[in-house]
Amino acid sequence: MTPAELLSDRFADVASQLRTQEEPFAFATIVRTAGATAAKPGAKALLGVDGSILHGWLGGGCTRGAVKQAALMAFSTGQPQLVSVAPEDLLTERGVAAGDQVDGTRFAKNGCPSRGSVDIFIEPCLPIPQLVVLGASPVAQALADLAPQFHWAVTREISSGLEKATRPQKYIVIATQGQGDIDALKMAIEGPSKHIAFVGSKLKFATLADKLIGQGCDAARVQSVKAPAGLDVGAVTPEEIALSILAELLQIRRAKVAALNGS
């Protein structure tokens, strides 16, 4: 029986538990080694959100720092990472330095006496972001129906309250459309979220914003609300408006990943 087979059941248990708890984690797999290395190709580990090893084994401490940095990058961008750890003279022979990224591979220095080289693939497993839809309007219904097809975990709040909105990656769309606008906006801006959008005209939101600020709400937080929600694509029907909102949310998510990647 191979080491991977021995670890598989425990791996599955730990990964399942982390998914249930909606905790970010990553799979790390050694895909290539050269020279003297403690771990060999196929060695695996589960990494926590801080880059630490939760389960499994990737060898000694020579690769630990590089694995941690690559894991943190994977969690930040949501993209897999391939890190190649090698002695400094071998990096120089390749024409790269520690910290360089070439053709999708990030290089790191191995300062251990073993002088081996290790390539490690790190794949993040992130909880899907939560889309909180407030309101009972046709737009709210269309958005709640359409969003799961684009990998959103949808929480629908028809009346009031954000009790079910618990995920850290939380985006809120207020589609109350005249039915409790102020209450919904106040709840949204007073809690944590990645993005808040309001379905309604810019003029209408300006009036509501003045009222919220007059009631003591943080002005900067109020002005951060995107109104009107969605990209300007000439949407008319509730389904078209919902699609324009999802297009905007996709644009925001992808822009953040691009910024973290430096592109």
Protein backbone atom coordinates (compact mmCIF):
# COMPACT_ATOMS: atom_id res chain seq x y z
CA MET A 1 0.00 0.00 0.00
CA THR A 2 1.37 3.41 -0.96
CA PRO A 3 1.67 6.37 1.46
CA ALA A 4 -1.07 8.16 -0.49
CA GLU A 5 -3.43 5.23 0.08
CA LEU A 6 -2.62 5.18 3.79
CA LEU A 7 -3.39 8.87 4.08
CA SER A 8 -6.46 9.01 1.85
CA ASP A 9 -9.15 8.24 4.45
CA ARG A 10 -7.77 10.67 7.00
CA PHE A 11 -7.30 13.28 4.28
CA ALA A 12 -10.93 12.91 3.29
CA ASP A 13 -12.09 13.23 6.90
CA VAL A 14 -10.06 16.38 7.56
CA ALA A 15 -11.03 17.96 4.23
CA SER A 16 -14.71 17.15 4.83
CA GLN A 17 -14.58 18.72 8.27
CA LEU A 18 -12.97 21.89 6.93
CA ARG A 19 -15.58 22.13 4.17
CA THR A 20 -18.38 21.74 6.72
CA GLN A 21 -16.86 24.52 8.80
CA GLU A 22 -16.45 26.62 5.63
CA GLU A 23 -12.73 27.01 6.39
CA PRO A 24 -10.30 27.71 3.53
CA PHE A 25 -7.65 25.02 3.06
CA ALA A 26 -5.31 23.76 0.39
CA PHE A 27 -3.95 20.48 -0.94
CA ALA A 28 -0.17 20.42 -1.36
CA THR A 29 1.44 17.67 -3.44
CA ILE A 30 5.10 17.08 -4.21
CA VAL A 31 5.21 16.52 -7.97
CA ARG A 32 8.97 16.32 -8.60
CA THR A 33 12.21 15.95 -6.66
CA ALA A 34 15.89 15.92 -7.60
CA GLY A 35 18.88 15.10 -5.44
CA ALA A 36 18.57 14.24 -1.76
CA THR A 37 15.10 15.01 -0.38
CA ALA A 38 13.23 13.62 2.62
CA ALA A 39 9.86 13.49 0.83
CA LYS A 40 9.32 12.03 -2.61
CA PRO A 41 6.83 12.66 -5.43
CA GLY A 42 3.30 11.90 -4.30
CA ALA A 43 3.80 13.12 -0.73
CA LYS A 44 0.79 15.21 0.28
CA ALA A 45 -0.41 17.59 2.97
CA LEU A 46 -3.45 19.65 3.86
CA LEU A 47 -2.63 23.28 4.59
CA GLY A 48 -4.55 25.64 6.83
CA VAL A 49 -5.43 29.23 6.03
CA ASP A 50 -2.20 30.39 7.70
CA GLY A 51 -0.12 28.06 5.51
CA SER A 52 0.59 25.57 8.28
CA ILE A 53 0.38 21.81 7.72
CA LEU A 54 -2.83 20.43 9.21
CA HIS A 55 -2.32 16.86 8.06
CA GLY A 56 0.20 14.97 5.96
CA TRP A 57 3.89 15.45 5.33
CA LEU A 58 6.07 17.32 2.83
CA GLY A 59 9.47 16.49 4.25
CA GLY A 60 11.62 18.55 6.59
CA GLY A 61 11.75 22.25 7.24
CA CYS A 62 13.64 23.09 4.03
CA THR A 63 10.44 23.67 2.08
CA ARG A 64 8.21 24.94 4.89
CA GLY A 65 8.68 28.65 4.34
CA ALA A 66 8.20 28.41 0.57
CA VAL A 67 5.08 26.26 0.98
CA LYS A 68 3.60 28.73 3.45
CA GLN A 69 4.18 31.71 1.15
CA ALA A 70 2.75 29.88 -1.85
CA ALA A 71 -0.27 28.79 0.17
CA LEU A 72 -0.97 32.34 1.30
CA MET A 73 -0.75 33.48 -2.32
CA ALA A 74 -3.15 30.70 -3.34
CA PHE A 75 -5.65 31.76 -0.69
CA SER A 76 -5.36 35.43 -1.68
CA THR A 77 -5.82 34.89 -5.40
CA GLY A 78 -7.91 31.73 -5.40
CA GLN A 79 -5.47 30.30 -7.96
CA PRO A 80 -3.27 27.17 -7.73
CA GLN A 81 0.44 27.73 -7.21
CA LEU A 82 3.49 25.76 -8.31
CA VAL A 83 6.59 26.44 -6.23
CA SER A 84 10.06 25.10 -7.05
CA VAL A 85 12.51 24.97 -4.14
CA ALA A 86 16.17 24.55 -5.12
CA PRO A 87 19.67 25.51 -3.91
CA GLU A 88 20.73 29.03 -4.82
CA ASP A 89 23.43 27.92 -7.27
CA LEU A 90 20.90 25.82 -9.20
CA LEU A 91 18.51 28.76 -9.33
CA THR A 92 21.36 30.86 -10.72
CA GLU A 93 22.07 28.23 -13.37
CA ARG A 94 18.43 28.46 -14.44
CA GLY A 95 18.69 32.23 -14.64
CA VAL A 96 16.19 32.86 -11.85
CA ALA A 97 16.30 34.10 -8.27
CA ALA A 98 14.24 33.32 -5.20
CA GLY A 99 10.90 35.09 -5.50
CA ASP A 100 10.83 35.07 -9.30
CA GLN A 101 7.82 33.66 -11.13
CA VAL A 102 8.39 32.28 -14.62
CA ASP A 103 5.78 30.50 -16.75
CA GLY A 104 3.56 29.83 -13.75
CA THR A 105 6.33 28.54 -11.46
CA ARG A 106 7.42 30.50 -8.40
CA PHE A 107 11.02 29.87 -7.28
CA ALA A 108 12.35 29.66 -3.72
CA LYS A 109 15.75 28.96 -2.23
CA ASN A 110 16.56 25.74 -0.39
CA GLY A 111 19.17 26.61 2.22
CA CYS A 112 19.36 23.15 3.78
CA PRO A 113 22.57 21.06 3.61
CA SER A 114 20.74 18.35 1.63
CA ARG A 115 20.74 20.66 -1.41
CA GLY A 116 17.82 18.81 -2.97
CA SER A 117 15.19 20.29 -5.28
CA VAL A 118 11.45 19.94 -4.71
CA ASP A 119 8.50 21.08 -6.85
CA ILE A 120 5.22 21.42 -4.96
CA PHE A 121 1.75 22.01 -6.40
CA ILE A 122 -0.69 23.84 -4.12
CA GLU A 123 -4.40 23.86 -4.87
CA PRO A 124 -6.67 26.07 -2.74
CA CYS A 125 -10.16 25.00 -1.71
CA LEU A 126 -12.13 28.11 -0.82
CA PRO A 127 -15.71 28.45 0.40
CA ILE A 128 -17.79 29.88 -2.40
CA PRO A 129 -18.79 33.50 -1.78
CA GLN A 130 -22.17 34.27 -0.29
CA LEU A 131 -24.65 36.47 -2.09
CA VAL A 132 -27.26 37.93 0.25
CA VAL A 133 -30.35 39.09 -1.60
CA LEU A 134 -32.64 41.37 0.40
CA GLY A 135 -36.21 41.90 -0.75
CA ALA A 136 -39.27 40.22 -2.23
CA SER A 137 -39.22 42.04 -5.56
CA PRO A 138 -39.15 40.33 -8.97
CA VAL A 139 -35.51 41.40 -9.33
CA ALA A 140 -34.68 39.75 -6.00
CA GLN A 141 -36.38 36.54 -7.13
CA ALA A 142 -34.63 36.54 -10.51
CA LEU A 143 -31.25 37.15 -8.85
CA ALA A 144 -31.77 34.36 -6.32
CA ASP A 145 -32.72 31.97 -9.13
CA LEU A 146 -29.82 32.88 -11.43
CA ALA A 147 -26.88 33.34 -9.03
CA PRO A 148 -26.31 29.66 -8.09
CA GLN A 149 -25.52 28.93 -11.75
CA PHE A 150 -22.52 31.25 -11.35
CA HIS A 151 -21.24 29.56 -8.17
CA TRP A 152 -22.75 31.81 -5.54
CA ALA A 153 -24.13 30.54 -2.25
CA VAL A 154 -27.38 32.48 -2.11
CA THR A 155 -29.09 33.59 1.06
CA ARG A 156 -32.53 35.08 0.49
CA GLU A 157 -33.97 37.43 3.11
CA ILE A 158 -37.50 38.38 2.10
CA SER A 159 -38.42 40.27 5.24
CA SER A 160 -35.55 41.55 7.33
CA GLY A 161 -32.43 40.39 9.10
CA LEU A 162 -29.07 39.02 8.06
CA GLU A 163 -28.93 36.17 10.57
CA LYS A 164 -28.15 33.54 7.92
CA ALA A 165 -25.49 35.66 6.22
CA THR A 166 -22.43 34.29 7.95
CA ARG A 167 -19.73 33.72 5.35
CA PRO A 168 -16.67 35.99 5.35
CA GLN A 169 -16.89 36.52 1.57
CA LYS A 170 -20.30 38.17 1.68
CA TYR A 171 -21.81 40.34 -1.04
CA ILE A 172 -25.17 42.04 -0.47
CA VAL A 173 -27.71 43.16 -3.05
CA ILE A 174 -30.66 45.18 -1.76
CA ALA A 175 -33.62 44.66 -4.07
CA THR A 176 -36.39 45.78 -1.73
CA GLN A 177 -37.62 48.33 -4.30
CA GLY A 178 -39.67 50.51 -1.98
CA GLN A 179 -40.50 47.87 0.63
CA GLY A 180 -38.24 48.59 3.61
CA ASP A 181 -35.36 50.23 1.72
CA ILE A 182 -34.01 52.20 4.70
CA ASP A 183 -34.08 49.24 7.09
CA ALA A 184 -32.37 46.95 4.59
CA LEU A 185 -29.67 49.51 3.78
CA LYS A 186 -29.01 50.19 7.44
CA MET A 187 -28.62 46.49 8.24
CA ALA A 188 -26.29 46.00 5.31
CA ILE A 189 -23.94 48.91 6.00
CA GLU A 190 -23.72 48.17 9.72
CA GLY A 191 -22.36 44.66 9.14
CA PRO A 192 -19.27 43.24 7.41
CA SER A 193 -19.38 42.62 3.67
CA LYS A 194 -17.22 42.71 0.57
CA HIS A 195 -19.68 44.72 -1.50
CA ILE A 196 -23.15 46.28 -1.17
CA ALA A 197 -25.33 47.21 -4.12
CA PHE A 198 -28.76 48.86 -4.23
CA VAL A 199 -31.35 48.21 -6.93
CA GLY A 200 -32.75 51.65 -7.65
CA SER A 201 -31.89 54.93 -9.32
CA LYS A 202 -28.95 57.10 -8.33
CA LEU A 203 -31.35 59.89 -7.36
CA LYS A 204 -33.43 57.61 -5.15
CA PHE A 205 -30.34 56.30 -3.37
CA ALA A 206 -29.03 59.84 -2.83
CA THR A 207 -32.23 60.68 -0.96
CA LEU A 208 -31.98 57.50 1.13
CA ALA A 209 -28.28 58.12 1.80
CA ASP A 210 -29.04 61.56 3.25
CA LYS A 211 -31.60 59.99 5.59
CA LEU A 212 -29.16 57.28 6.70
CA ILE A 213 -26.39 59.76 7.42
CA GLY A 214 -28.92 61.93 9.27
CA GLN A 215 -29.73 58.89 11.43
CA GLY A 216 -26.06 58.56 12.39
CA CYS A 217 -24.84 55.97 9.90
CA ASP A 218 -21.20 56.20 8.85
CA ALA A 219 -21.08 58.49 5.82
CA ALA A 220 -18.16 56.72 4.14
CA ARG A 221 -19.87 53.35 4.52
CA VAL A 222 -23.13 54.75 3.11
CA GLN A 223 -21.36 56.28 0.10
CA SER A 224 -19.59 52.98 -0.61
CA VAL A 225 -22.89 51.39 -1.65
CA LYS A 226 -23.05 50.85 -5.41
CA ALA A 227 -26.22 52.44 -6.79
CA PRO A 228 -27.70 51.60 -9.12
CA ALA A 229 -26.68 47.96 -8.87
CA GLY A 230 -25.36 46.24 -11.99
CA LEU A 231 -23.55 47.17 -15.17
CA ASP A 232 -25.22 49.59 -17.55
CA VAL A 233 -26.28 47.19 -20.29
CA GLY A 234 -29.71 48.67 -20.95
CA ALA A 235 -31.43 46.03 -18.80
CA VAL A 236 -35.22 46.34 -18.53
CA THR A 237 -36.78 43.09 -17.30
CA PRO A 238 -36.10 41.64 -13.82
CA GLU A 239 -34.09 38.82 -15.40
CA GLU A 240 -31.97 41.27 -17.40
CA ILE A 241 -31.36 43.42 -14.33
CA ALA A 242 -30.34 40.33 -12.35
CA LEU A 243 -27.92 39.36 -15.11
CA SER A 244 -26.39 42.85 -15.14
CA ILE A 245 -25.89 42.62 -11.34
CA LEU A 246 -24.19 39.24 -11.63
CA ALA A 247 -21.97 40.56 -14.42
CA GLU A 248 -20.88 43.40 -12.15
CA LEU A 249 -20.22 41.03 -9.23
CA LEU A 250 -18.12 38.82 -11.52
CA GLN A 251 -16.18 41.87 -12.69
CA ILE A 252 -15.46 42.85 -9.06
CA ARG A 253 -14.31 39.36 -8.09
CA ARG A 254 -12.06 38.95 -11.12
CA ALA A 255 -10.60 42.44 -10.70
CA LYS A 256 -9.53 41.60 -7.16
CA VAL A 257 -7.79 38.42 -8.34
CA ALA A 258 -6.05 40.32 -11.15
CA ALA A 259 -4.84 42.97 -8.68
CA LEU A 260 -3.43 40.32 -6.36
CA ASN A 261 -1.65 38.70 -9.30
CA GLY A 262 -0.17 42.06 -10.28
CA SER A 263 -1.78 42.13 -13.73
